[in-house]
Amino acid sequence: MRVSLERAALFKTLSHVQRVVERRNTIPILSNVLVRAAQGRIEFKATDLDIELVESLPADVASAGATTVPAHLFHDIVRKLPDGAQVSLDLGADQSAMILRASRSRFQLQVLPESDFPDLSASDFSHRFALTAKDLKALIDKTEFAISSEETRYYLNGIYLHLVDIQGAAMLRAVATDGHRLAQMQMAAPAGSAGMPGVIIPRKTVNEVLRLIEDASAEVGVEISLTKIRFMIGSVVLTSKLIDGTFPDYARVIPVGNDKKLVIDRRQFAAAVDRVSTIASERGRAVKLSLSSGKLMLTVTNPDSGSATEEVEVDYSAEPLDIGFNARYLLDIAERLQDENAVFMLADPGSPTLIHEATGSGALYVLMPMRV
């Protein structure tokens, strides 16, 4: 194998693929990236056996071939090369090492044979559809913060992507919950998604997809089977195993009878919560919302450091109510709302609260209260 290509393009691609590779591996080949050159293109592939990321780019291929080299070392070397450098990769006839040359630098990297590299991508995908990168990003952005990190409830360690029927219209819905809060985002189901199975996409996969989306107007191809999902973003193909579990019946925790309506300026509310929560303990993080006609009083009390209050004008005409929430959870939701106003539908101090945007963007949040 003998290939040359520009340093910037190589660095961008290696930055993508090396993120999949775990820093510590008991299986040596999993620390490596597969490099394959043929017909004017060079392809890089990395995997942790749960996710596989493949990206190809144009290159000057003098002779075809393939090998694997240490992923993070390869990335670090290219990162430190001067901008504009032309990089050549040369696998000798004995294939015992890969020589990397750029300007006056020369590196010799140990290799492992291509034949040892695992292949995760072989699979039959039953459903294929396309989304704009903007829509896919919205599905993830609005929900991923609520993914549970509790490993014993592994079926909550991802986003549940599935179809629902809303008054005869098929909707593609993403849901995440950690038991304390629930985040839901939906949009019209794309062509080709009809009949797709409900799947739980792991947190690491979700984060990688977000990082790979660079052009919001681009189209993203999605392929789904019962055990895997694949995203095609430009020249990148990310294939991931799905979480093998059953997502709980989340609809049961979405309240339908909450009759106390609070409308509040989203930015003003977030700023006020942020200010008063400064005094909260890291463990507690509780903020009390005291509602009365046209007024909201935010209160935080910390036995170790004092207390804080702030009054905010709101649109509220129901009976007075005191309810507590985790301040961090309130801020997480406020950050993801886009409307000028946020709408809270409340019931009583012990029942979950429903939060959404005034214009109904497709995003909906449920937040469990805290004792204050």
Protein backbone atom coordinates (compact mmCIF):
# COMPACT_ATOMS: atom_id res chain seq x y z
CA MET A 1 0.00 0.00 0.00
CA ARG A 2 1.31 3.42 -0.96
CA VAL A 3 -0.93 6.47 -0.53
CA SER A 4 -0.57 10.22 -0.21
CA LEU A 5 -3.14 12.80 0.92
CA GLU A 6 -3.43 16.23 2.48
CA ARG A 7 -2.91 16.49 6.24
CA ALA A 8 -6.11 18.51 7.04
CA ALA A 9 -8.43 15.96 5.40
CA LEU A 10 -6.63 13.06 7.07
CA PHE A 11 -6.76 14.75 10.48
CA LYS A 12 -10.50 15.47 10.23
CA THR A 13 -11.25 11.85 9.36
CA LEU A 14 -9.01 10.42 12.07
CA SER A 15 -10.64 12.79 14.60
CA HIS A 16 -13.96 11.14 13.78
CA VAL A 17 -12.91 7.50 13.81
CA GLN A 18 -10.53 7.53 16.81
CA ARG A 19 -13.36 8.66 19.14
CA VAL A 20 -14.92 5.22 18.82
CA VAL A 21 -11.74 3.49 20.02
CA GLU A 22 -11.56 2.88 23.77
CA ARG A 23 -8.36 4.06 25.44
CA ARG A 24 -7.93 0.74 27.26
CA ASN A 25 -8.43 -2.50 25.42
CA THR A 26 -7.75 -6.09 26.41
CA ILE A 27 -8.03 -7.05 22.70
CA PRO A 28 -5.07 -5.41 20.89
CA ILE A 29 -6.77 -5.15 17.47
CA LEU A 30 -9.54 -2.96 18.98
CA SER A 31 -6.92 -0.27 19.73
CA ASN A 32 -6.20 -0.03 16.00
CA VAL A 33 -7.84 1.69 13.05
CA LEU A 34 -8.20 -0.23 9.80
CA VAL A 35 -6.64 1.60 6.84
CA ARG A 36 -7.67 0.41 3.37
CA ALA A 37 -6.66 2.08 0.08
CA ALA A 38 -7.99 1.32 -3.41
CA GLN A 39 -9.15 3.11 -6.58
CA GLY A 40 -8.38 6.68 -5.60
CA ARG A 41 -9.86 6.51 -2.10
CA ILE A 42 -8.65 5.64 1.38
CA GLU A 43 -10.98 4.23 4.01
CA PHE A 44 -10.62 4.25 7.79
CA LYS A 45 -12.60 1.99 10.10
CA ALA A 46 -12.70 1.79 13.91
CA THR A 47 -14.85 -0.22 16.31
CA ASP A 48 -15.37 -1.05 19.99
CA LEU A 49 -17.57 -4.05 19.02
CA ASP A 50 -20.70 -2.01 19.84
CA ILE A 51 -20.14 0.85 17.38
CA GLU A 52 -18.36 0.78 14.04
CA LEU A 53 -17.44 4.00 12.24
CA VAL A 54 -16.23 4.02 8.64
CA GLU A 55 -15.14 7.11 6.71
CA SER A 56 -13.51 7.37 3.30
CA LEU A 57 -11.92 10.26 1.44
CA PRO A 58 -10.13 10.86 -1.88
CA ALA A 59 -6.41 10.09 -1.96
CA ASP A 60 -3.58 9.57 -4.42
CA VAL A 61 -3.33 5.76 -4.33
CA ALA A 62 -0.11 4.53 -5.94
CA SER A 63 -0.74 0.95 -4.83
CA ALA A 64 -3.73 -0.59 -3.07
CA GLY A 65 -3.57 -2.41 0.24
CA ALA A 66 -4.78 -2.57 3.82
CA THR A 67 -3.47 -2.79 7.37
CA THR A 68 -4.28 -1.65 10.91
CA VAL A 69 -2.33 0.82 13.07
CA PRO A 70 -2.77 2.20 16.61
CA ALA A 71 -5.68 4.67 16.35
CA HIS A 72 -4.83 7.24 19.02
CA LEU A 73 -1.11 7.27 18.18
CA PHE A 74 -1.87 7.75 14.48
CA HIS A 75 -4.26 10.61 15.32
CA ASP A 76 -1.75 12.31 17.64
CA ILE A 77 1.00 12.17 15.02
CA VAL A 78 -1.18 13.70 12.31
CA ARG A 79 -2.48 16.34 14.76
CA LYS A 80 1.08 17.55 15.35
CA LEU A 81 2.07 17.73 11.68
CA PRO A 82 2.26 21.22 10.14
CA ASP A 83 -0.78 22.62 8.31
CA GLY A 84 -0.69 22.05 4.57
CA ALA A 85 1.68 19.10 4.84
CA GLN A 86 1.33 16.26 2.35
CA VAL A 87 1.23 12.93 4.17
CA SER A 88 2.36 9.66 2.61
CA LEU A 89 1.54 6.23 4.03
CA ASP A 90 3.64 3.31 2.89
CA LEU A 91 3.20 -0.32 3.87
CA GLY A 92 6.39 -2.17 2.98
CA ALA A 93 6.48 -5.40 0.98
CA ASP A 94 6.92 -7.44 4.17
CA GLN A 95 3.95 -5.58 5.76
CA SER A 96 5.73 -5.43 9.12
CA ALA A 97 5.27 -1.67 9.64
CA MET A 98 3.61 1.38 8.11
CA ILE A 99 5.87 4.30 7.28
CA LEU A 100 4.31 7.77 7.61
CA ARG A 101 6.17 10.66 5.99
CA ALA A 102 5.34 14.36 6.04
CA SER A 103 7.78 17.16 5.23
CA ARG A 104 10.95 16.18 7.11
CA SER A 105 9.19 13.87 9.58
CA ARG A 106 9.21 10.10 9.35
CA PHE A 107 7.34 7.70 11.64
CA GLN A 108 7.33 3.93 11.66
CA LEU A 109 4.15 2.45 13.15
CA GLN A 110 3.60 -1.12 14.25
CA VAL A 111 0.78 -2.89 12.44
CA LEU A 112 -1.57 -5.79 12.96
CA PRO A 113 -3.02 -7.72 9.99
CA GLU A 114 -6.27 -6.56 8.38
CA SER A 115 -7.66 -10.11 8.64
CA ASP A 116 -7.82 -9.81 12.46
CA PHE A 117 -10.07 -6.72 12.35
CA PRO A 118 -13.71 -7.43 13.35
CA ASP A 119 -16.60 -6.53 11.04
CA LEU A 120 -19.71 -5.19 12.71
CA SER A 121 -21.48 -3.88 9.62
CA ALA A 122 -22.67 -7.17 8.13
CA SER A 123 -26.41 -7.14 8.74
CA ASP A 124 -29.77 -7.10 6.99
CA PHE A 125 -31.62 -3.86 7.60
CA SER A 126 -35.39 -4.11 7.27
CA HIS A 127 -36.22 -0.39 7.12
CA ARG A 128 -34.52 2.52 5.38
CA PHE A 129 -35.45 6.18 5.45
CA ALA A 130 -33.88 9.64 5.31
CA LEU A 131 -34.04 12.66 7.63
CA THR A 132 -32.53 16.08 7.33
CA ALA A 133 -29.60 16.50 9.72
CA LYS A 134 -31.58 19.34 11.35
CA ASP A 135 -34.50 17.01 12.17
CA LEU A 136 -32.27 14.22 13.45
CA LYS A 137 -30.35 16.70 15.59
CA ALA A 138 -33.63 18.01 17.03
CA LEU A 139 -34.78 14.49 17.96
CA ILE A 140 -31.51 13.92 19.82
CA ASP A 141 -30.93 17.40 21.26
CA LYS A 142 -34.36 17.61 22.84
CA THR A 143 -34.13 14.23 24.58
CA GLU A 144 -30.58 12.97 25.19
CA PHE A 145 -30.09 14.91 28.45
CA ALA A 146 -32.75 12.72 30.11
CA ILE A 147 -30.99 9.41 29.31
CA SER A 148 -30.42 7.41 32.48
CA SER A 149 -26.86 6.63 33.59
CA GLU A 150 -28.00 3.91 35.98
CA GLU A 151 -26.46 0.72 34.60
CA THR A 152 -28.85 -1.64 36.38
CA ARG A 153 -31.70 -0.16 34.32
CA TYR A 154 -29.78 -0.63 31.08
CA TYR A 155 -32.93 -0.33 28.95
CA LEU A 156 -33.06 3.37 29.94
CA ASN A 157 -29.45 4.01 28.84
CA GLY A 158 -30.49 5.31 25.44
CA ILE A 159 -33.13 7.04 23.31
CA TYR A 160 -36.24 5.06 22.40
CA LEU A 161 -36.99 5.74 18.71
CA HIS A 162 -40.36 4.48 17.49
CA LEU A 163 -43.49 5.27 15.53
CA VAL A 164 -46.78 6.44 17.06
CA ASP A 165 -50.16 7.20 15.53
CA ILE A 166 -51.51 10.66 16.40
CA GLN A 167 -55.07 11.09 15.11
CA GLY A 168 -54.31 9.02 12.03
CA ALA A 169 -50.94 10.65 11.32
CA ALA A 170 -47.76 8.59 11.71
CA MET A 171 -45.15 10.34 13.86
CA LEU A 172 -41.52 9.45 14.53
CA ARG A 173 -40.96 9.89 18.27
CA ALA A 174 -37.83 9.92 20.43
CA VAL A 175 -38.15 9.41 24.20
CA ALA A 176 -35.62 9.31 27.04
CA THR A 177 -36.17 9.07 30.78
CA ASP A 178 -34.17 8.48 33.95
CA GLY A 179 -37.16 8.05 36.24
CA HIS A 180 -36.98 11.63 37.50
CA ARG A 181 -37.72 13.35 34.21
CA LEU A 182 -38.94 12.39 30.77
CA ALA A 183 -38.15 14.07 27.46
CA GLN A 184 -40.14 13.48 24.28
CA MET A 185 -39.73 14.88 20.76
CA GLN A 186 -41.70 13.93 17.68
CA MET A 187 -42.10 14.85 14.02
CA ALA A 188 -43.88 13.54 10.94
CA ALA A 189 -42.66 10.04 10.12
CA PRO A 190 -40.40 9.98 7.03
CA ALA A 191 -41.18 7.86 3.98
CA GLY A 192 -39.87 4.31 4.40
CA SER A 193 -40.22 4.21 8.19
CA ALA A 194 -43.67 2.57 8.23
CA GLY A 195 -43.64 -0.63 10.25
CA MET A 196 -40.18 -0.05 11.70
CA PRO A 197 -39.51 -1.70 15.06
CA GLY A 198 -39.13 0.46 18.16
CA VAL A 199 -35.40 0.61 18.97
CA ILE A 200 -33.28 1.87 21.89
CA ILE A 201 -30.18 3.72 20.62
CA PRO A 202 -27.29 3.68 23.15
CA ARG A 203 -26.00 6.92 24.68
CA LYS A 204 -22.53 6.62 23.09
CA THR A 205 -24.06 6.19 19.63
CA VAL A 206 -26.37 9.17 20.17
CA ASN A 207 -23.42 11.36 21.19
CA GLU A 208 -21.34 10.26 18.19
CA VAL A 209 -24.16 11.02 15.75
CA LEU A 210 -24.53 14.51 17.25
CA ARG A 211 -20.81 15.17 16.85
CA LEU A 212 -20.83 13.97 13.23
CA ILE A 213 -23.61 16.36 12.17
CA GLU A 214 -21.84 19.40 10.75
CA ASP A 215 -24.23 20.59 8.03
CA ALA A 216 -27.83 21.00 9.26
CA SER A 217 -29.17 20.98 5.70
CA ALA A 218 -27.55 17.65 4.78
CA GLU A 219 -29.55 14.46 4.44
CA VAL A 220 -28.91 11.58 6.81
CA GLY A 221 -29.72 8.04 5.75
CA VAL A 222 -30.99 5.75 8.51
CA GLU A 223 -31.22 1.95 8.35
CA ILE A 224 -32.79 -0.15 11.10
CA SER A 225 -32.97 -3.82 11.99
CA LEU A 226 -34.01 -5.55 15.21
CA THR A 227 -30.44 -5.50 16.53
CA LYS A 228 -28.61 -2.65 14.75
CA ILE A 229 -28.97 0.88 13.44
CA ARG A 230 -26.91 2.62 10.79
CA PHE A 231 -26.47 6.33 10.08
CA MET A 232 -25.01 7.58 6.79
CA ILE A 233 -23.81 11.18 7.16
CA GLY A 234 -21.87 12.43 4.15
CA SER A 235 -18.85 10.16 3.74
CA VAL A 236 -19.28 8.68 7.22
CA VAL A 237 -21.13 5.43 7.99
CA LEU A 238 -21.81 4.70 11.66
CA THR A 239 -23.22 1.28 12.54
CA SER A 240 -24.26 0.49 16.10
CA LYS A 241 -25.74 -2.31 18.09
CA LEU A 242 -29.02 -1.48 19.79
CA ILE A 243 -29.82 -1.94 23.47
CA ASP A 244 -31.41 -5.36 23.83
CA GLY A 245 -34.26 -4.58 26.19
CA THR A 246 -37.85 -3.38 26.45
CA PHE A 247 -38.44 0.33 26.99
CA PRO A 248 -41.08 0.87 29.69
CA ASP A 249 -44.61 2.09 28.95
CA TYR A 250 -43.67 5.74 29.35
CA ALA A 251 -47.15 6.98 28.39
CA ARG A 252 -48.38 6.04 31.87
CA VAL A 253 -46.25 8.75 33.51
CA ILE A 254 -47.35 11.56 31.19
CA PRO A 255 -50.07 13.42 33.12
CA VAL A 256 -53.32 14.23 31.32
CA GLY A 257 -55.37 15.93 34.04
CA ASN A 258 -53.05 18.75 35.10
CA ASP A 259 -55.28 21.83 35.20
CA LYS A 260 -53.09 24.59 36.67
CA LYS A 261 -51.47 26.51 33.82
CA LEU A 262 -48.34 28.61 34.26
CA VAL A 263 -46.92 30.62 31.34
CA ILE A 264 -43.52 32.18 31.93
CA ASP A 265 -40.76 33.90 29.97
CA ARG A 266 -38.29 31.08 29.39
CA ARG A 267 -35.08 33.11 29.57
CA GLN A 268 -36.19 35.10 32.59
CA PHE A 269 -37.19 31.91 34.39
CA ALA A 270 -33.92 30.11 33.60
CA ALA A 271 -31.85 33.09 34.75
CA ALA A 272 -33.80 33.32 38.02
CA VAL A 273 -33.45 29.58 38.73
CA ASP A 274 -29.75 29.78 37.96
CA ARG A 275 -29.28 32.70 40.36
CA VAL A 276 -31.14 31.30 43.37
CA SER A 277 -29.67 27.80 42.92
CA THR A 278 -26.18 29.23 43.43
CA ILE A 279 -26.75 28.80 47.13
CA ALA A 280 -28.09 25.23 46.88
CA SER A 281 -26.06 22.25 48.04
CA GLU A 282 -24.73 19.98 45.31
CA ARG A 283 -26.64 17.06 46.79
CA GLY A 284 -29.97 18.85 47.25
CA ARG A 285 -30.31 21.25 44.32
CA ALA A 286 -33.96 21.79 45.32
CA VAL A 287 -35.75 25.01 44.39
CA LYS A 288 -39.26 25.79 45.66
CA LEU A 289 -41.76 27.42 43.30
CA SER A 290 -44.47 29.32 45.19
CA LEU A 291 -47.24 30.29 42.77
CA SER A 292 -49.98 32.83 43.31
CA SER A 293 -51.99 35.05 40.96
CA GLY A 294 -49.56 36.64 38.48
CA LYS A 295 -46.53 35.91 40.63
CA LEU A 296 -43.89 33.22 41.12
CA MET A 297 -41.53 33.21 44.10
CA LEU A 298 -38.41 31.06 43.75
CA THR A 299 -36.81 29.97 47.02
CA VAL A 300 -33.69 27.96 47.84
CA THR A 301 -32.68 27.14 51.40
CA ASN A 302 -29.35 25.57 52.34
CA PRO A 303 -28.79 24.93 56.07
CA ASP A 304 -25.04 25.22 55.53
CA SER A 305 -24.89 28.51 53.63
CA GLY A 306 -28.17 30.45 53.82
CA SER A 307 -31.12 31.10 51.55
CA ALA A 308 -32.11 32.95 48.36
CA THR A 309 -35.40 34.20 46.91
CA GLU A 310 -36.43 35.87 43.67
CA GLU A 311 -39.82 37.02 42.44
CA VAL A 312 -40.88 36.69 38.79
CA GLU A 313 -44.00 37.99 37.07
CA VAL A 314 -45.93 35.17 35.38
CA ASP A 315 -49.23 34.36 33.73
CA TYR A 316 -50.95 32.26 36.40
CA SER A 317 -54.51 32.50 37.68
CA ALA A 318 -55.14 29.13 39.35
CA GLU A 319 -55.17 28.57 43.11
CA PRO A 320 -51.88 29.11 44.99
CA LEU A 321 -49.41 26.22 44.86
CA ASP A 322 -46.02 25.39 46.40
CA ILE A 323 -43.97 22.77 44.54
CA GLY A 324 -40.28 21.84 44.48
CA PHE A 325 -38.01 20.73 41.65
CA ASN A 326 -34.38 19.88 41.07
CA ALA A 327 -32.85 23.14 39.80
CA ARG A 328 -30.51 21.35 37.39
CA TYR A 329 -33.44 19.53 35.80
CA LEU A 330 -35.37 22.79 35.35
CA LEU A 331 -32.35 24.39 33.67
CA ASP A 332 -31.79 21.38 31.40
CA ILE A 333 -35.34 21.67 30.10
CA ALA A 334 -35.26 25.47 29.79
CA GLU A 335 -32.10 25.22 27.67
CA ARG A 336 -33.86 22.98 25.16
CA LEU A 337 -37.02 25.03 24.76
CA GLN A 338 -36.89 27.54 21.91
CA ASP A 339 -40.09 29.55 22.30
CA GLU A 340 -40.08 32.83 24.16
CA ASN A 341 -42.54 31.36 26.67
CA ALA A 342 -42.60 28.03 28.48
CA VAL A 343 -45.87 26.43 29.57
CA PHE A 344 -46.08 24.45 32.82
CA MET A 345 -49.17 22.31 33.45
CA LEU A 346 -49.30 21.50 37.19
CA ALA A 347 -51.56 19.44 39.44
CA ASP A 348 -50.36 19.31 43.05
CA PRO A 349 -47.03 19.25 44.99
CA GLY A 350 -46.68 15.46 44.71
CA SER A 351 -47.64 14.89 41.06
CA PRO A 352 -45.54 15.13 37.88
CA THR A 353 -45.58 18.41 35.96
CA LEU A 354 -45.89 18.74 32.20
CA ILE A 355 -43.70 21.32 30.40
CA HIS A 356 -43.88 22.32 26.74
CA GLU A 357 -43.51 25.27 24.40
CA ALA A 358 -46.38 27.67 23.82
CA THR A 359 -46.47 26.97 20.07
CA GLY A 360 -46.22 23.18 20.37
CA SER A 361 -42.95 22.34 18.62
CA GLY A 362 -43.22 18.60 19.18
CA ALA A 363 -41.12 18.65 22.34
CA LEU A 364 -42.70 17.70 25.65
CA TYR A 365 -41.19 17.20 29.11
CA VAL A 366 -42.38 15.57 32.33
CA LEU A 367 -40.69 16.45 35.61
CA MET A 368 -41.18 14.73 38.96
CA PRO A 369 -41.36 17.12 41.94
CA MET A 370 -39.08 17.13 45.00
CA ARG A 371 -39.98 17.62 48.63
CA VAL A 372 -39.00 21.10 49.83
